N, C-alpha and C. Protein backbone atom coordinates (compact mmCIF):
# COMPACT_ATOMS: atom_id res chain seq x y z
N UNK A 1 12.25 -29.09 -28.49
CA UNK A 1 11.29 -28.38 -27.66
C UNK A 1 11.95 -27.22 -26.93
N UNK A 2 13.26 -27.23 -26.76
CA UNK A 2 13.95 -26.19 -26.03
C UNK A 2 13.77 -24.83 -26.68
N UNK A 3 13.63 -24.77 -27.99
CA UNK A 3 13.51 -23.50 -28.69
C UNK A 3 12.06 -23.05 -28.82
N UNK A 4 11.15 -23.85 -28.38
CA UNK A 4 9.74 -23.49 -28.43
C UNK A 4 9.45 -22.40 -27.41
N UNK A 5 8.49 -21.53 -27.72
CA UNK A 5 8.10 -20.46 -26.78
C UNK A 5 7.46 -21.03 -25.52
N UNK A 6 7.00 -22.27 -25.58
CA UNK A 6 6.42 -22.90 -24.41
C UNK A 6 7.48 -23.47 -23.48
N UNK A 7 8.71 -23.53 -23.94
CA UNK A 7 9.79 -24.07 -23.15
C UNK A 7 10.08 -23.16 -21.95
N UNK A 8 10.41 -23.76 -20.84
CA UNK A 8 10.77 -22.99 -19.64
C UNK A 8 12.08 -22.25 -19.83
N UNK A 9 12.83 -22.57 -20.86
CA UNK A 9 14.13 -21.96 -21.08
C UNK A 9 14.09 -20.87 -22.15
N UNK A 10 12.92 -20.61 -22.72
CA UNK A 10 12.79 -19.57 -23.73
C UNK A 10 12.79 -18.20 -23.03
N UNK A 11 13.46 -17.20 -23.59
CA UNK A 11 13.52 -15.88 -22.95
C UNK A 11 12.16 -15.20 -22.75
N UNK A 12 11.13 -15.65 -23.44
CA UNK A 12 9.79 -15.07 -23.25
C UNK A 12 9.31 -15.28 -21.82
N UNK A 13 9.90 -16.27 -21.12
CA UNK A 13 9.50 -16.55 -19.74
C UNK A 13 9.91 -15.43 -18.77
N UNK A 14 10.91 -14.64 -19.16
CA UNK A 14 11.43 -13.61 -18.26
C UNK A 14 10.37 -12.55 -17.94
N UNK A 15 9.71 -11.93 -18.92
CA UNK A 15 8.72 -10.89 -18.57
C UNK A 15 7.34 -11.46 -18.22
N UNK A 16 7.15 -12.75 -18.27
CA UNK A 16 5.82 -13.34 -18.07
C UNK A 16 5.19 -12.96 -16.73
N UNK A 17 5.98 -12.93 -15.67
CA UNK A 17 5.44 -12.57 -14.36
C UNK A 17 4.87 -11.17 -14.33
N UNK A 18 5.57 -10.23 -14.96
CA UNK A 18 5.07 -8.86 -14.99
C UNK A 18 3.88 -8.71 -15.93
N UNK A 19 3.83 -9.51 -16.96
CA UNK A 19 2.66 -9.50 -17.85
C UNK A 19 1.44 -10.02 -17.09
N UNK A 20 1.61 -11.11 -16.35
CA UNK A 20 0.50 -11.64 -15.55
C UNK A 20 0.06 -10.63 -14.50
N UNK A 21 1.01 -9.98 -13.84
CA UNK A 21 0.67 -8.96 -12.86
C UNK A 21 -0.10 -7.82 -13.52
N UNK A 22 0.34 -7.38 -14.68
CA UNK A 22 -0.32 -6.29 -15.39
C UNK A 22 -1.76 -6.66 -15.75
N UNK A 23 -1.96 -7.87 -16.23
CA UNK A 23 -3.32 -8.32 -16.56
C UNK A 23 -4.20 -8.34 -15.32
N UNK A 24 -3.66 -8.85 -14.21
CA UNK A 24 -4.41 -8.86 -12.95
C UNK A 24 -4.76 -7.44 -12.54
N UNK A 25 -3.82 -6.53 -12.62
CA UNK A 25 -4.02 -5.14 -12.22
C UNK A 25 -5.12 -4.48 -13.05
N UNK A 26 -5.10 -4.67 -14.36
CA UNK A 26 -6.11 -4.09 -15.24
C UNK A 26 -7.48 -4.68 -14.96
N UNK A 27 -7.56 -6.01 -14.80
CA UNK A 27 -8.85 -6.65 -14.51
C UNK A 27 -9.37 -6.21 -13.15
N UNK A 28 -8.48 -6.14 -12.18
CA UNK A 28 -8.91 -5.77 -10.83
C UNK A 28 -9.45 -4.34 -10.79
N UNK A 29 -8.68 -3.38 -11.25
CA UNK A 29 -9.12 -1.99 -11.15
C UNK A 29 -10.14 -1.63 -12.21
N UNK A 30 -10.07 -2.26 -13.36
CA UNK A 30 -11.11 -2.06 -14.37
C UNK A 30 -12.44 -2.62 -13.89
N UNK A 31 -12.40 -3.82 -13.32
CA UNK A 31 -13.63 -4.42 -12.77
C UNK A 31 -14.19 -3.61 -11.62
N UNK A 32 -13.32 -3.13 -10.74
CA UNK A 32 -13.76 -2.30 -9.62
C UNK A 32 -14.41 -1.02 -10.13
N UNK A 33 -13.84 -0.41 -11.14
CA UNK A 33 -14.42 0.82 -11.70
C UNK A 33 -15.79 0.57 -12.30
N UNK A 34 -15.95 -0.53 -13.00
CA UNK A 34 -17.25 -0.86 -13.59
C UNK A 34 -18.28 -1.12 -12.50
N UNK A 35 -17.91 -1.91 -11.50
CA UNK A 35 -18.84 -2.20 -10.40
C UNK A 35 -19.24 -0.92 -9.68
N UNK A 36 -18.27 -0.05 -9.43
CA UNK A 36 -18.58 1.19 -8.71
C UNK A 36 -19.46 2.12 -9.54
N UNK A 37 -19.38 2.04 -10.86
CA UNK A 37 -20.22 2.87 -11.71
C UNK A 37 -21.61 2.29 -11.89
N UNK A 38 -21.72 0.97 -11.91
CA UNK A 38 -23.00 0.31 -12.20
C UNK A 38 -23.78 -0.04 -10.94
N UNK A 39 -23.15 -0.72 -10.00
CA UNK A 39 -23.87 -1.19 -8.80
C UNK A 39 -22.94 -1.14 -7.60
N UNK A 40 -22.65 0.05 -7.08
CA UNK A 40 -21.73 0.14 -5.95
C UNK A 40 -22.31 -0.48 -4.69
N UNK A 41 -21.49 -1.23 -3.95
CA UNK A 41 -21.97 -1.79 -2.69
C UNK A 41 -22.11 -0.69 -1.63
N UNK A 42 -22.90 -0.95 -0.64
CA UNK A 42 -23.13 0.00 0.45
C UNK A 42 -21.84 0.18 1.25
N UNK A 43 -21.36 1.43 1.37
CA UNK A 43 -20.12 1.66 2.13
C UNK A 43 -20.22 1.27 3.60
N UNK A 44 -21.43 1.20 4.12
CA UNK A 44 -21.60 0.82 5.53
C UNK A 44 -21.20 -0.63 5.79
N UNK A 45 -21.14 -1.44 4.73
CA UNK A 45 -20.74 -2.84 4.88
C UNK A 45 -19.25 -2.98 5.14
N UNK A 46 -18.49 -1.93 4.92
CA UNK A 46 -17.05 -1.98 5.13
C UNK A 46 -16.36 -2.76 4.01
N UNK A 47 -15.29 -3.41 4.38
CA UNK A 47 -14.47 -4.13 3.39
C UNK A 47 -15.06 -5.48 3.00
N UNK A 48 -16.00 -6.01 3.79
CA UNK A 48 -16.52 -7.36 3.53
C UNK A 48 -17.74 -7.32 2.63
N UNK A 49 -17.50 -6.96 1.37
CA UNK A 49 -18.56 -6.91 0.36
C UNK A 49 -18.28 -7.97 -0.69
N UNK A 50 -19.30 -8.24 -1.51
CA UNK A 50 -19.10 -9.23 -2.58
C UNK A 50 -18.02 -8.75 -3.54
N UNK A 51 -17.90 -7.45 -3.72
CA UNK A 51 -16.88 -6.91 -4.63
C UNK A 51 -15.48 -7.23 -4.12
N UNK A 52 -15.24 -6.90 -2.86
CA UNK A 52 -13.92 -7.19 -2.29
C UNK A 52 -13.64 -8.68 -2.22
N UNK A 53 -14.66 -9.47 -1.93
CA UNK A 53 -14.46 -10.92 -1.89
C UNK A 53 -14.10 -11.48 -3.26
N UNK A 54 -14.77 -11.00 -4.30
CA UNK A 54 -14.46 -11.45 -5.66
C UNK A 54 -13.07 -11.01 -6.07
N UNK A 55 -12.74 -9.75 -5.80
CA UNK A 55 -11.40 -9.26 -6.15
C UNK A 55 -10.33 -9.93 -5.29
N UNK A 56 -10.67 -10.24 -4.05
CA UNK A 56 -9.74 -10.96 -3.20
C UNK A 56 -9.47 -12.36 -3.71
N UNK A 57 -10.50 -13.03 -4.19
CA UNK A 57 -10.33 -14.37 -4.77
C UNK A 57 -9.44 -14.30 -6.01
N UNK A 58 -9.68 -13.30 -6.86
CA UNK A 58 -8.84 -13.12 -8.05
C UNK A 58 -7.39 -12.85 -7.63
N UNK A 59 -7.21 -12.06 -6.59
CA UNK A 59 -5.87 -11.75 -6.11
C UNK A 59 -5.18 -13.00 -5.58
N UNK A 60 -5.89 -13.81 -4.82
CA UNK A 60 -5.29 -15.04 -4.28
C UNK A 60 -4.91 -16.02 -5.38
N UNK A 61 -5.75 -16.15 -6.40
CA UNK A 61 -5.44 -17.04 -7.53
C UNK A 61 -4.21 -16.54 -8.26
N UNK A 62 -4.15 -15.24 -8.50
CA UNK A 62 -3.00 -14.65 -9.19
C UNK A 62 -1.74 -14.81 -8.36
N UNK A 63 -1.84 -14.55 -7.07
CA UNK A 63 -0.70 -14.70 -6.17
C UNK A 63 -0.20 -16.14 -6.16
N UNK A 64 -1.11 -17.09 -6.05
CA UNK A 64 -0.72 -18.50 -6.04
C UNK A 64 -0.04 -18.89 -7.36
N UNK A 65 -0.57 -18.44 -8.47
CA UNK A 65 0.03 -18.75 -9.78
C UNK A 65 1.43 -18.18 -9.88
N UNK A 66 1.60 -16.92 -9.48
CA UNK A 66 2.93 -16.29 -9.57
C UNK A 66 3.94 -16.97 -8.64
N UNK A 67 3.51 -17.32 -7.44
CA UNK A 67 4.42 -18.02 -6.53
C UNK A 67 4.77 -19.41 -7.04
N UNK A 68 3.78 -20.10 -7.59
CA UNK A 68 4.05 -21.43 -8.16
C UNK A 68 5.05 -21.34 -9.31
N UNK A 69 4.87 -20.35 -10.17
CA UNK A 69 5.81 -20.18 -11.29
C UNK A 69 7.20 -19.80 -10.79
N UNK A 70 7.28 -18.95 -9.77
CA UNK A 70 8.59 -18.58 -9.21
C UNK A 70 9.32 -19.81 -8.69
N UNK A 71 8.62 -20.65 -7.93
CA UNK A 71 9.23 -21.87 -7.38
C UNK A 71 9.60 -22.82 -8.52
N UNK A 72 8.73 -22.94 -9.49
CA UNK A 72 9.00 -23.84 -10.63
C UNK A 72 10.28 -23.43 -11.37
N UNK A 73 10.41 -22.14 -11.68
CA UNK A 73 11.60 -21.69 -12.40
C UNK A 73 12.85 -21.80 -11.53
N UNK A 74 12.72 -21.53 -10.24
CA UNK A 74 13.89 -21.66 -9.35
C UNK A 74 14.36 -23.11 -9.31
N UNK A 75 13.42 -24.03 -9.19
CA UNK A 75 13.79 -25.46 -9.15
C UNK A 75 14.42 -25.90 -10.46
N UNK A 76 13.94 -25.36 -11.58
CA UNK A 76 14.53 -25.72 -12.87
C UNK A 76 15.97 -25.23 -12.99
N UNK A 77 16.29 -24.16 -12.30
CA UNK A 77 17.64 -23.60 -12.41
C UNK A 77 18.66 -24.34 -11.55
N UNK A 78 18.22 -25.20 -10.66
CA UNK A 78 19.10 -25.90 -9.73
C UNK A 78 19.48 -27.28 -10.27
N UNK A 79 20.63 -27.83 -9.84
CA UNK A 79 20.98 -29.20 -10.23
C UNK A 79 19.92 -30.17 -9.72
N UNK A 80 19.76 -31.30 -10.29
CA UNK A 80 20.65 -32.10 -11.11
C UNK A 80 20.51 -31.87 -12.61
N UNK A 81 19.82 -30.82 -13.03
CA UNK A 81 19.65 -30.57 -14.46
C UNK A 81 20.98 -30.17 -15.09
N UNK A 82 21.16 -30.60 -16.31
CA UNK A 82 22.33 -30.21 -17.08
C UNK A 82 21.93 -29.02 -17.96
N UNK A 83 22.20 -27.82 -17.48
CA UNK A 83 21.79 -26.61 -18.19
C UNK A 83 23.00 -25.81 -18.62
N UNK A 84 22.85 -25.13 -19.75
CA UNK A 84 23.91 -24.22 -20.15
C UNK A 84 23.70 -22.88 -19.44
N UNK A 85 24.64 -21.95 -19.61
CA UNK A 85 24.58 -20.67 -18.89
C UNK A 85 23.33 -19.87 -19.24
N UNK A 86 22.93 -19.90 -20.48
CA UNK A 86 21.75 -19.16 -20.90
C UNK A 86 20.49 -19.69 -20.23
N UNK A 87 20.38 -21.01 -20.15
CA UNK A 87 19.20 -21.61 -19.51
C UNK A 87 19.15 -21.29 -18.02
N UNK A 88 20.30 -21.32 -17.37
CA UNK A 88 20.35 -20.97 -15.95
C UNK A 88 19.97 -19.51 -15.76
N UNK A 89 20.49 -18.64 -16.62
CA UNK A 89 20.17 -17.21 -16.54
C UNK A 89 18.67 -16.98 -16.71
N UNK A 90 18.09 -17.59 -17.74
CA UNK A 90 16.66 -17.40 -18.01
C UNK A 90 15.82 -17.91 -16.85
N UNK A 91 16.11 -19.08 -16.33
CA UNK A 91 15.27 -19.64 -15.27
C UNK A 91 15.42 -18.87 -13.96
N UNK A 92 16.63 -18.45 -13.61
CA UNK A 92 16.81 -17.70 -12.37
C UNK A 92 16.19 -16.31 -12.47
N UNK A 93 16.37 -15.65 -13.60
CA UNK A 93 15.77 -14.33 -13.77
C UNK A 93 14.25 -14.42 -13.81
N UNK A 94 13.71 -15.42 -14.48
CA UNK A 94 12.26 -15.62 -14.52
C UNK A 94 11.72 -15.88 -13.11
N UNK A 95 12.43 -16.67 -12.32
CA UNK A 95 12.00 -16.94 -10.94
C UNK A 95 11.97 -15.65 -10.14
N UNK A 96 13.00 -14.83 -10.28
CA UNK A 96 13.05 -13.57 -9.54
C UNK A 96 11.95 -12.61 -9.95
N UNK A 97 11.69 -12.52 -11.23
CA UNK A 97 10.65 -11.59 -11.72
C UNK A 97 9.27 -12.08 -11.30
N UNK A 98 9.04 -13.39 -11.32
CA UNK A 98 7.76 -13.91 -10.85
C UNK A 98 7.59 -13.62 -9.35
N UNK A 99 8.66 -13.72 -8.59
CA UNK A 99 8.58 -13.41 -7.16
C UNK A 99 8.28 -11.93 -6.94
N UNK A 100 8.92 -11.06 -7.69
CA UNK A 100 8.65 -9.62 -7.58
C UNK A 100 7.20 -9.33 -7.95
N UNK A 101 6.70 -9.97 -8.99
CA UNK A 101 5.29 -9.78 -9.40
C UNK A 101 4.35 -10.29 -8.31
N UNK A 102 4.71 -11.40 -7.66
CA UNK A 102 3.88 -11.92 -6.57
C UNK A 102 3.86 -10.94 -5.40
N UNK A 103 5.00 -10.38 -5.06
CA UNK A 103 5.06 -9.40 -3.97
C UNK A 103 4.26 -8.15 -4.32
N UNK A 104 4.32 -7.71 -5.58
CA UNK A 104 3.53 -6.55 -6.00
C UNK A 104 2.04 -6.85 -5.94
N UNK A 105 1.66 -8.06 -6.29
CA UNK A 105 0.25 -8.47 -6.20
C UNK A 105 -0.21 -8.44 -4.75
N UNK A 106 0.60 -8.97 -3.86
CA UNK A 106 0.26 -8.97 -2.44
C UNK A 106 0.16 -7.54 -1.91
N UNK A 107 1.09 -6.70 -2.27
CA UNK A 107 1.12 -5.32 -1.79
C UNK A 107 -0.10 -4.53 -2.29
N UNK A 108 -0.40 -4.65 -3.56
CA UNK A 108 -1.52 -3.90 -4.13
C UNK A 108 -2.86 -4.50 -3.70
N UNK A 109 -2.91 -5.80 -3.47
CA UNK A 109 -4.16 -6.45 -3.11
C UNK A 109 -4.51 -6.39 -1.63
N UNK A 110 -3.55 -6.08 -0.77
CA UNK A 110 -3.79 -6.05 0.67
C UNK A 110 -4.89 -5.07 1.10
N UNK A 111 -5.03 -3.90 0.49
CA UNK A 111 -6.11 -2.98 0.90
C UNK A 111 -7.51 -3.58 0.78
N UNK A 112 -7.69 -4.63 0.01
CA UNK A 112 -8.98 -5.28 -0.08
C UNK A 112 -9.44 -5.80 1.27
N UNK A 113 -8.52 -6.07 2.16
CA UNK A 113 -8.85 -6.58 3.48
C UNK A 113 -9.38 -5.48 4.42
N UNK A 114 -9.03 -4.22 4.12
CA UNK A 114 -9.31 -3.16 5.08
C UNK A 114 -10.22 -2.05 4.56
N UNK A 115 -10.19 -1.80 3.27
CA UNK A 115 -10.91 -0.65 2.72
C UNK A 115 -12.18 -1.07 2.00
N UNK A 116 -13.25 -0.35 2.21
CA UNK A 116 -14.46 -0.64 1.44
C UNK A 116 -14.27 -0.19 -0.01
N UNK A 117 -14.87 -0.89 -0.94
CA UNK A 117 -14.73 -0.49 -2.34
C UNK A 117 -15.55 0.77 -2.63
N UNK A 118 -15.21 1.45 -3.68
CA UNK A 118 -15.99 2.59 -4.20
C UNK A 118 -16.03 3.78 -3.26
N UNK A 119 -15.09 3.90 -2.35
CA UNK A 119 -15.10 5.06 -1.46
C UNK A 119 -13.95 5.97 -1.79
């Protein structure tokens, strides 16, 4: 199972955090663009619109997933596991990249709290 792509020690795990972030980014801004073109919310409502709430929920789910994966890979890299150097490298790097992706999600998603959509 160690050589399977589903294994936590497979190198495909390294870019996974940035891939998840990219998918979130495309869905978030693509969805916002579609909503603003089809049925824009009233700007007088401010930031607390159904659009921002839906995008905020998506952001929180993505953030939680990325943080969970970062912690999971970090824990896998620590003893008492008997890992070779490659496995330690993959798990530590994957943990770091997932953390960076989580921070990017938080940074890009924070304006949902303050800015009205479609303005």
